[in-house]
Structures are given as C-alpha cells and as structure tokens.
Amino acid sequence: MNLSPALTRYRVVAWIVGVLLLVLTVGTILKYTSGDDTIVAVVGPVHGFLYMVYLVLAADLARRARWKLPFTVLVLLAGTVPFLSFVAERVVTRRVRAAFPLVASGAP
C-alpha cells in the first residue's frame, strides 16, 4: 500500500491547521485585549473546517499505517494545541518513513 500520497496530504493539512491555530491564538489575545474580534471571526470558522479535514486525513493515514489507538488519538488532538501540530507532523513523518522505507524514497 502506497502511503506517500496519504502522508503528503496529512503533512500539508497539519501545517495549514497549525498556522491557522497560531493566527487564531493571536486573534483571541487581540479580542480580549483590544476588543477587536475580526481575526477570530474570520479565521475561527476556517480553522474549524480545516481541523475536520485534518481529522479525516490523520485518521486515514492512521488506518493505512496501522497505528495503535493511543498514538492516533494524540495525533488527532495535536491540531487543537498551538505548535503541537508541527511537532506531531515531524513525529508522524519520521514514524511512517521508518516503518515504510519505500515512502521515504518516494517509490510506488
């Protein structure tokens, strides 16, 4: 089973969700310090939608790579903690490439 496309999809969405969560965190700070909720109003729904996409793609990768449930749950939750999705993406990439050497080489 070729995991390269699933891993690539996961990595892209993990970074997008991570960046949006950081922007949303800054927006939340601004909302409560200056009363400006523009960033939260715009980025919040986008992050929420893309987090759902992240969940689906991470679950798909977990199924394909046959991860155990505790690791899968931690990866799924990583999109809710600022900076953690970046860490999870690196851990997941290393784990998948170590377990499936053909993914690292890009071979079909």
C-alpha atoms as a PDB file:
ATOM      1  CA  MET A   1       0.000   0.000   0.000  1.00  0.00           C
ATOM      2  CA  ASN A   2       1.452   3.347  -1.026  1.00  0.00           C
ATOM      3  CA  LEU A   3       1.439   5.742   1.913  1.00  0.00           C
ATOM      4  CA  SER A   4       3.199   8.635   0.167  1.00  0.00           C
ATOM      5  CA  PRO A   5       0.039  10.439  -1.021  1.00  0.00           C
ATOM      6  CA  ALA A   6      -1.695   9.980   2.344  1.00  0.00           C
ATOM      7  CA  LEU A   7       1.386  11.222   4.198  1.00  0.00           C
ATOM      8  CA  THR A   8       1.728  14.236   1.908  1.00  0.00           C
ATOM      9  CA  ARG A   9      -1.940  15.172   2.341  1.00  0.00           C
ATOM     10  CA  TYR A  10      -1.602  14.861   6.114  1.00  0.00           C
ATOM     11  CA  ARG A  11       1.598  16.945   6.225  1.00  0.00           C
ATOM     12  CA  VAL A  12       0.126  19.794   4.164  1.00  0.00           C
ATOM     13  CA  VAL A  13      -3.064  19.997   6.200  1.00  0.00           C
ATOM     14  CA  ALA A  14      -1.169  19.674   9.508  1.00  0.00           C
ATOM     15  CA  TRP A  15       0.903  22.740   8.609  1.00  0.00           C
ATOM     16  CA  ILE A  16      -2.107  24.738   7.430  1.00  0.00           C
ATOM     17  CA  VAL A  17      -4.085  23.873  10.578  1.00  0.00           C
ATOM     18  CA  GLY A  18      -1.059  24.708  12.733  1.00  0.00           C
ATOM     19  CA  VAL A  19      -0.542  28.111  11.141  1.00  0.00           C
ATOM     20  CA  LEU A  20      -4.244  28.945  11.351  1.00  0.00           C
ATOM     21  CA  LEU A  21      -4.307  27.923  15.006  1.00  0.00           C
ATOM     22  CA  LEU A  22      -1.414  30.271  15.737  1.00  0.00           C
ATOM     23  CA  VAL A  23      -3.214  33.096  13.908  1.00  0.00           C
ATOM     24  CA  LEU A  24      -6.389  32.258  15.824  1.00  0.00           C
ATOM     25  CA  THR A  25      -4.477  32.334  19.112  1.00  0.00           C
ATOM     26  CA  VAL A  26      -3.137  35.811  18.306  1.00  0.00           C
ATOM     27  CA  GLY A  27      -6.638  36.845  17.273  1.00  0.00           C
ATOM     28  CA  THR A  28      -8.062  35.607  20.568  1.00  0.00           C
ATOM     29  CA  ILE A  29      -5.469  37.594  22.502  1.00  0.00           C
ATOM     30  CA  LEU A  30      -6.355  40.693  20.477  1.00  0.00           C
ATOM     31  CA  LYS A  31     -10.052  40.053  21.001  1.00  0.00           C
ATOM     32  CA  TYR A  32      -9.676  40.136  24.769  1.00  0.00           C
ATOM     33  CA  THR A  33      -7.059  42.895  24.962  1.00  0.00           C
ATOM     34  CA  SER A  34      -8.300  45.355  22.366  1.00  0.00           C
ATOM     35  CA  GLY A  35     -11.860  44.214  21.745  1.00  0.00           C
ATOM     36  CA  ASP A  36     -11.183  43.527  18.038  1.00  0.00           C
ATOM     37  CA  ASP A  37     -12.637  40.159  17.127  1.00  0.00           C
ATOM     38  CA  THR A  38     -12.099  40.383  13.360  1.00  0.00           C
ATOM     39  CA  ILE A  39      -9.375  37.733  13.238  1.00  0.00           C
ATOM     40  CA  VAL A  40     -11.377  35.315  15.373  1.00  0.00           C
ATOM     41  CA  ALA A  41     -14.499  35.875  13.278  1.00  0.00           C
ATOM     42  CA  VAL A  42     -12.662  35.190  10.010  1.00  0.00           C
ATOM     43  CA  VAL A  43     -10.059  32.582  10.947  1.00  0.00           C
ATOM     44  CA  GLY A  44     -12.133  30.659  13.512  1.00  0.00           C
ATOM     45  CA  PRO A  45     -14.579  29.041  11.084  1.00  0.00           C
ATOM     46  CA  VAL A  46     -11.836  28.358   8.529  1.00  0.00           C
ATOM     47  CA  HIS A  47      -9.677  26.663  11.160  1.00  0.00           C
ATOM     48  CA  GLY A  48     -12.690  24.696  12.390  1.00  0.00           C
ATOM     49  CA  PHE A  49     -13.451  23.391   8.916  1.00  0.00           C
ATOM     50  CA  LEU A  50      -9.841  22.570   8.139  1.00  0.00           C
ATOM     51  CA  TYR A  51      -9.441  20.851  11.507  1.00  0.00           C
ATOM     52  CA  MET A  52     -12.236  18.499  10.439  1.00  0.00           C
ATOM     53  CA  VAL A  53     -10.291  17.832   7.213  1.00  0.00           C
ATOM     54  CA  TYR A  54      -7.182  17.248   9.368  1.00  0.00           C
ATOM     55  CA  LEU A  55      -9.084  14.689  11.442  1.00  0.00           C
ATOM     56  CA  VAL A  56     -10.200  12.781   8.366  1.00  0.00           C
ATOM     57  CA  LEU A  57      -6.742  12.788   6.767  1.00  0.00           C
ATOM     58  CA  ALA A  58      -4.979  11.837  10.008  1.00  0.00           C
ATOM     59  CA  ALA A  59      -7.476   9.010  10.603  1.00  0.00           C
ATOM     60  CA  ASP A  60      -6.965   7.804   7.026  1.00  0.00           C
ATOM     61  CA  LEU A  61      -3.178   7.795   7.490  1.00  0.00           C
ATOM     62  CA  ALA A  62      -3.554   6.040  10.854  1.00  0.00           C
ATOM     63  CA  ARG A  63      -5.650   3.311   9.235  1.00  0.00           C
ATOM     64  CA  ARG A  64      -3.222   2.855   6.355  1.00  0.00           C
ATOM     65  CA  ALA A  65      -0.150   2.829   8.625  1.00  0.00           C
ATOM     66  CA  ARG A  66      -1.918   0.654  11.231  1.00  0.00           C
ATOM     67  CA  TRP A  67      -1.212   2.910  14.189  1.00  0.00           C
ATOM     68  CA  LYS A  68      -2.375   1.928  17.650  1.00  0.00           C
ATOM     69  CA  LEU A  69      -5.345   3.853  19.051  1.00  0.00           C
ATOM     70  CA  PRO A  70      -3.465   5.905  21.710  1.00  0.00           C
ATOM     71  CA  PHE A  71      -0.996   7.282  19.152  1.00  0.00           C
ATOM     72  CA  THR A  72      -3.824   8.003  16.714  1.00  0.00           C
ATOM     73  CA  VAL A  73      -5.781   9.941  19.356  1.00  0.00           C
ATOM     74  CA  LEU A  74      -2.704  12.025  20.232  1.00  0.00           C
ATOM     75  CA  VAL A  75      -2.161  12.895  16.571  1.00  0.00           C
ATOM     76  CA  LEU A  76      -5.833  13.803  16.175  1.00  0.00           C
ATOM     77  CA  LEU A  77      -5.690  16.104  19.198  1.00  0.00           C
ATOM     78  CA  ALA A  78      -2.489  17.774  18.019  1.00  0.00           C
ATOM     79  CA  GLY A  79      -4.485  20.205  15.885  1.00  0.00           C
ATOM     80  CA  THR A  80      -6.018  21.761  18.996  1.00  0.00           C
ATOM     81  CA  VAL A  81      -2.827  22.878  20.777  1.00  0.00           C
ATOM     82  CA  PRO A  82      -0.725  25.716  19.321  1.00  0.00           C
ATOM     83  CA  PHE A  83       2.600  24.472  17.903  1.00  0.00           C
ATOM     84  CA  LEU A  84       1.744  20.834  18.603  1.00  0.00           C
ATOM     85  CA  SER A  85       0.581  20.069  15.060  1.00  0.00           C
ATOM     86  CA  PHE A  86       4.072  20.970  13.833  1.00  0.00           C
ATOM     87  CA  VAL A  87       5.640  18.577  16.331  1.00  0.00           C
ATOM     88  CA  ALA A  88       3.125  15.851  15.501  1.00  0.00           C
ATOM     89  CA  GLU A  89       3.779  16.274  11.788  1.00  0.00           C
ATOM     90  CA  ARG A  90       7.511  15.658  12.302  1.00  0.00           C
ATOM     91  CA  VAL A  91       6.902  12.657  14.579  1.00  0.00           C
ATOM     92  CA  VAL A  92       4.358  11.168  12.175  1.00  0.00           C
ATOM     93  CA  THR A  93       6.626  11.687   9.164  1.00  0.00           C
ATOM     94  CA  ARG A  94       9.586  10.033  10.895  1.00  0.00           C
ATOM     95  CA  ARG A  95       7.437   7.154  12.128  1.00  0.00           C
ATOM     96  CA  VAL A  96       5.854   6.466   8.744  1.00  0.00           C
ATOM     97  CA  ARG A  97       9.161   6.712   6.890  1.00  0.00           C
ATOM     98  CA  ALA A  98      10.856   4.403   9.398  1.00  0.00           C
ATOM     99  CA  ALA A  99       8.078   1.807   9.239  1.00  0.00           C
ATOM    100  CA  PHE A 100       7.645   2.016   5.474  1.00  0.00           C
ATOM    101  CA  PRO A 101      11.040   2.672   3.834  1.00  0.00           C
ATOM    102  CA  LEU A 102       9.530   2.969   0.352  1.00  0.00           C
ATOM    103  CA  VAL A 103       7.668   6.101   1.494  1.00  0.00           C
ATOM    104  CA  ALA A 104      10.986   7.820   2.214  1.00  0.00           C
ATOM    105  CA  SER A 105      12.291   7.013  -1.241  1.00  0.00           C
ATOM    106  CA  GLY A 106       9.075   8.029  -2.980  1.00  0.00           C
ATOM    107  CA  ALA A 107       8.818   4.653  -4.729  1.00  0.00           C
ATOM    108  CA  PRO A 108       5.325   3.457  -5.685  1.00  0.00           C
END
